[in-house]
C-alpha atoms as a PDB file:
ATOM      1  CA  MET A   1      31.610  -7.165  26.430  1.00  0.00           C
ATOM      2  CA  LYS A   2      33.493  -7.280  23.210  1.00  0.00           C
ATOM      3  CA  LYS A   3      32.257 -10.651  22.624  1.00  0.00           C
ATOM      4  CA  ILE A   4      28.613  -8.933  23.956  1.00  0.00           C
ATOM      5  CA  ILE A   5      29.051  -6.122  21.429  1.00  0.00           C
ATOM      6  CA  LEU A   6      30.549  -8.316  18.721  1.00  0.00           C
ATOM      7  CA  SER A   7      28.091 -10.936  18.632  1.00  0.00           C
ATOM      8  CA  ILE A   8      25.365  -7.819  18.546  1.00  0.00           C
ATOM      9  CA  THR A   9      26.959  -5.975  15.778  1.00  0.00           C
ATOM     10  CA  ALA A  10      26.550  -9.307  13.352  1.00  0.00           C
ATOM     11  CA  VAL A  11      22.553 -10.038  14.829  1.00  0.00           C
ATOM     12  CA  THR A  12      21.996  -6.679  13.968  1.00  0.00           C
ATOM     13  CA  ALA A  13      23.816  -6.753  10.281  1.00  0.00           C
ATOM     14  CA  MET A  14      22.236  -9.998   9.874  1.00  0.00           C
ATOM     15  CA  ALA A  15      18.267  -8.433  10.002  1.00  0.00           C
ATOM     16  CA  ALA A  16      19.562  -5.828   8.238  1.00  0.00           C
ATOM     17  CA  ALA A  17      20.174  -7.898   5.096  1.00  0.00           C
ATOM     18  CA  ALA A  18      17.019 -10.227   5.810  1.00  0.00           C
ATOM     19  CA  LEU A  19      15.147  -7.397   5.917  1.00  0.00           C
ATOM     20  CA  PRO A  20      14.769  -5.592   2.696  1.00  0.00           C
ATOM     21  CA  ALA A  21      14.511 -10.343   1.239  1.00  0.00           C
ATOM     22  CA  VAL A  22      11.340 -10.425   3.806  1.00  0.00           C
ATOM     23  CA  ALA A  23      10.004  -6.984   1.757  1.00  0.00           C
ATOM     24  CA  SER A  24      10.527  -8.221  -1.536  1.00  0.00           C
ATOM     25  CA  ALA A  25       9.567 -12.336  -0.545  1.00  0.00           C
ATOM     26  CA  GLN A  26       6.294 -11.364  -3.117  1.00  0.00           C
ATOM     27  CA  SER A  27       5.991 -10.620  -6.209  1.00  0.00           C
ATOM     28  CA  ILE A  28       5.602  -7.505  -7.632  1.00  0.00           C
ATOM     29  CA  GLY A  29       2.010  -9.159  -9.861  1.00  0.00           C
ATOM     30  CA  GLN A  30       0.916 -10.766  -6.010  1.00  0.00           C
ATOM     31  CA  ARG A  31       1.502  -7.183  -4.728  1.00  0.00           C
ATOM     32  CA  GLN A  32      -0.643  -5.803  -7.263  1.00  0.00           C
ATOM     33  CA  ASP A  33      -2.854  -8.592  -7.905  1.00  0.00           C
ATOM     34  CA  ARG A  34      -3.938  -8.432  -3.628  1.00  0.00           C
ATOM     35  CA  LEU A  35      -4.011  -4.671  -3.804  1.00  0.00           C
ATOM     36  CA  GLU A  36      -6.664  -5.082  -6.289  1.00  0.00           C
ATOM     37  CA  TRP A  37      -8.329  -7.752  -4.647  1.00  0.00           C
ATOM     38  CA  ARG A  38      -8.240  -5.516  -1.517  1.00  0.00           C
ATOM     39  CA  ILE A  39     -10.256  -2.115  -3.345  1.00  0.00           C
ATOM     40  CA  GLU A  40     -12.798  -4.622  -5.174  1.00  0.00           C
ATOM     41  CA  GLN A  41     -13.310  -6.133  -1.614  1.00  0.00           C
ATOM     42  CA  GLY A  42     -13.842  -2.901   0.371  1.00  0.00           C
ATOM     43  CA  GLN A  43     -16.305  -1.058  -2.595  1.00  0.00           C
ATOM     44  CA  ARG A  44     -18.507  -4.778  -2.724  1.00  0.00           C
ATOM     45  CA  ASN A  45     -19.036  -4.858   1.446  1.00  0.00           C
ATOM     46  CA  GLY A  46     -19.268  -0.609   1.267  1.00  0.00           C
ATOM     47  CA  ALA A  47     -15.990   0.060   3.015  1.00  0.00           C
ATOM     48  CA  LEU A  48     -15.181   2.052   0.201  1.00  0.00           C
ATOM     49  CA  THR A  49     -16.935   4.867  -1.377  1.00  0.00           C
ATOM     50  CA  ARG A  50     -16.493   4.699  -5.376  1.00  0.00           C
ATOM     51  CA  HIS A  51     -14.676   8.000  -5.111  1.00  0.00           C
ATOM     52  CA  GLU A  52     -12.171   6.612  -2.993  1.00  0.00           C
ATOM     53  CA  ALA A  53     -11.934   3.295  -4.528  1.00  0.00           C
ATOM     54  CA  ARG A  54     -11.824   4.663  -8.206  1.00  0.00           C
ATOM     55  CA  HIS A  55      -8.939   7.364  -6.891  1.00  0.00           C
ATOM     56  CA  LEU A  56      -6.131   3.718  -4.992  1.00  0.00           C
ATOM     57  CA  LYS A  57      -7.623   2.601  -8.820  1.00  0.00           C
ATOM     58  CA  ARG A  58      -5.351   5.476 -10.233  1.00  0.00           C
ATOM     59  CA  GLU A  59      -2.895   5.428  -7.701  1.00  0.00           C
ATOM     60  CA  LEU A  60      -1.678   1.258  -8.303  1.00  0.00           C
ATOM     61  CA  ARG A  61      -2.639   2.209 -11.964  1.00  0.00           C
ATOM     62  CA  GLU A  62       0.435   5.129 -12.009  1.00  0.00           C
ATOM     63  CA  THR A  63       2.381   3.048 -10.141  1.00  0.00           C
ATOM     64  CA  LEU A  64       2.541   0.409 -12.052  1.00  0.00           C
ATOM     65  CA  ARG A  65       2.965   2.545 -15.385  1.00  0.00           C
ATOM     66  CA  LEU A  66       6.201   3.201 -13.327  1.00  0.00           C
ATOM     67  CA  GLU A  67       6.932  -0.006 -12.742  1.00  0.00           C
ATOM     68  CA  ASP A  68       6.620  -1.123 -16.998  1.00  0.00           C
ATOM     69  CA  HIS A  69       9.699   2.075 -17.564  1.00  0.00           C
ATOM     70  CA  TYR A  70      11.472   0.730 -14.776  1.00  0.00           C
ATOM     71  CA  ARG A  71      11.927  -2.328 -16.605  1.00  0.00           C
ATOM     72  CA  ARG A  72      12.752  -1.063 -19.246  1.00  0.00           C
ATOM     73  CA  ASP A  73      16.201  -1.316 -18.783  1.00  0.00           C
ATOM     74  CA  GLY A  74      15.968  -4.161 -15.942  1.00  0.00           C
ATOM     75  CA  LEU A  75      14.682  -3.889 -12.103  1.00  0.00           C
ATOM     76  CA  SER A  76      17.820  -2.434 -10.165  1.00  0.00           C
ATOM     77  CA  ARG A  77      17.725  -2.983  -6.391  1.00  0.00           C
ATOM     78  CA  TRP A  78      16.384   0.277  -5.847  1.00  0.00           C
ATOM     79  CA  GLU A  79      13.351   0.504  -8.325  1.00  0.00           C
ATOM     80  CA  ARG A  80      12.200  -2.640  -6.620  1.00  0.00           C
ATOM     81  CA  ALA A  81      12.989  -0.733  -2.674  1.00  0.00           C
ATOM     82  CA  ASP A  82      10.748   2.134  -4.479  1.00  0.00           C
ATOM     83  CA  LEU A  83       7.785   0.022  -5.058  1.00  0.00           C
ATOM     84  CA  ASP A  84       7.766  -1.807  -2.612  1.00  0.00           C
ATOM     85  CA  ARG A  85       7.949   1.664  -1.264  1.00  0.00           C
ATOM     86  CA  ARG A  86       4.719   2.563  -3.036  1.00  0.00           C
ATOM     87  CA  PHE A  87       2.919  -0.398  -3.140  1.00  0.00           C
ATOM     88  CA  ASP A  88       3.218   0.007   1.244  1.00  0.00           C
ATOM     89  CA  ARG A  89       1.869   3.504   0.951  1.00  0.00           C
ATOM     90  CA  ILE A  90      -1.241   1.929  -1.310  1.00  0.00           C
ATOM     91  CA  SER A  91      -2.209  -0.972   1.162  1.00  0.00           C
ATOM     92  CA  ALA A  92      -2.410   1.852   4.002  1.00  0.00           C
ATOM     93  CA  GLN A  93      -4.335   4.054   2.409  1.00  0.00           C
ATOM     94  CA  ILE A  94      -6.600   1.245   1.495  1.00  0.00           C
ATOM     95  CA  ARG A  95      -6.609   0.551   5.063  1.00  0.00           C
ATOM     96  CA  TYR A  96      -6.978   3.954   6.486  1.00  0.00           C
ATOM     97  CA  GLU A  97      -9.799   4.297   3.340  1.00  0.00           C
ATOM     98  CA  ARG A  98     -11.391   1.350   4.659  1.00  0.00           C
ATOM     99  CA  HIS A  99     -12.234   2.105   8.091  1.00  0.00           C
ATOM    100  CA  ASP A 100     -12.598   5.536   8.386  1.00  0.00           C
ATOM    101  CA  ARG A 101     -16.224   5.452   8.388  1.00  0.00           C
ATOM    102  CA  ASP A 102     -17.372   6.713   4.775  1.00  0.00           C
ATOM    103  CA  ARG A 103     -19.931   4.506   3.452  1.00  0.00           C
ATOM    104  CA  ASP A 104     -22.087   4.645  -0.180  1.00  0.00           C
ATOM    105  CA  TYR A 105     -24.969   3.440   1.660  1.00  0.00           C
ATOM    106  CA  GLY A 106     -27.433   3.701   4.330  1.00  0.00           C
ATOM    107  CA  TYR A 107     -28.502   6.936   6.448  1.00  0.00           C
ATOM    108  CA  GLY A 108     -27.509  10.183   5.447  1.00  0.00           C
ATOM    109  CA  TYR A 109     -25.899   9.188   1.754  1.00  0.00           C
ATOM    110  CA  GLY A 110     -24.499  11.538  -0.269  1.00  0.00           C
ATOM    111  CA  ARG A 111     -24.275  13.996   3.351  1.00  0.00           C
ATOM    112  CA  ASP A 112     -21.340  15.041   5.355  1.00  0.00           C
ATOM    113  CA  TYR A 113     -23.200  15.561   8.081  1.00  0.00           C
ATOM    114  CA  ASP A 114     -19.691  16.556  10.107  1.00  0.00           C
ATOM    115  CA  ARG A 115     -19.075  19.885   8.525  1.00  0.00           C
ATOM    116  CA  PRO A 116     -21.091  23.049   9.355  1.00  0.00           C
ATOM    117  CA  HIS A 117     -23.694  23.246   6.212  1.00  0.00           C
ATOM    118  CA  ARG A 118     -24.233  26.805   4.537  1.00  0.00           C
ATOM    119  CA  TRP A 119     -28.672  27.594   4.123  1.00  0.00           C
END
């Protein structure tokens, strides 16, 4: 029984140690480029409205400003993890906004048919 518990503990510890390495496998510049590309593609194909794209780009710019601030005195492990979390949140926002069925074109452009209107 002790051997099983010991081996489970060892495997769990190794997996926990490998997780941050996987998250930071891409450089910050690569993640930034990928997020910018996804925003541009979403805007080009109509999956993102101009307003959504502008908001996402602003979030990305703020995160990059924070990265510059962090890099002034060297990027610590905590700061890298913070940037990874922020990039993950932006990525999730892009995914949500691209699939929320808001469109910048087509039938009903500029109207919100889901809300009751006051005449």
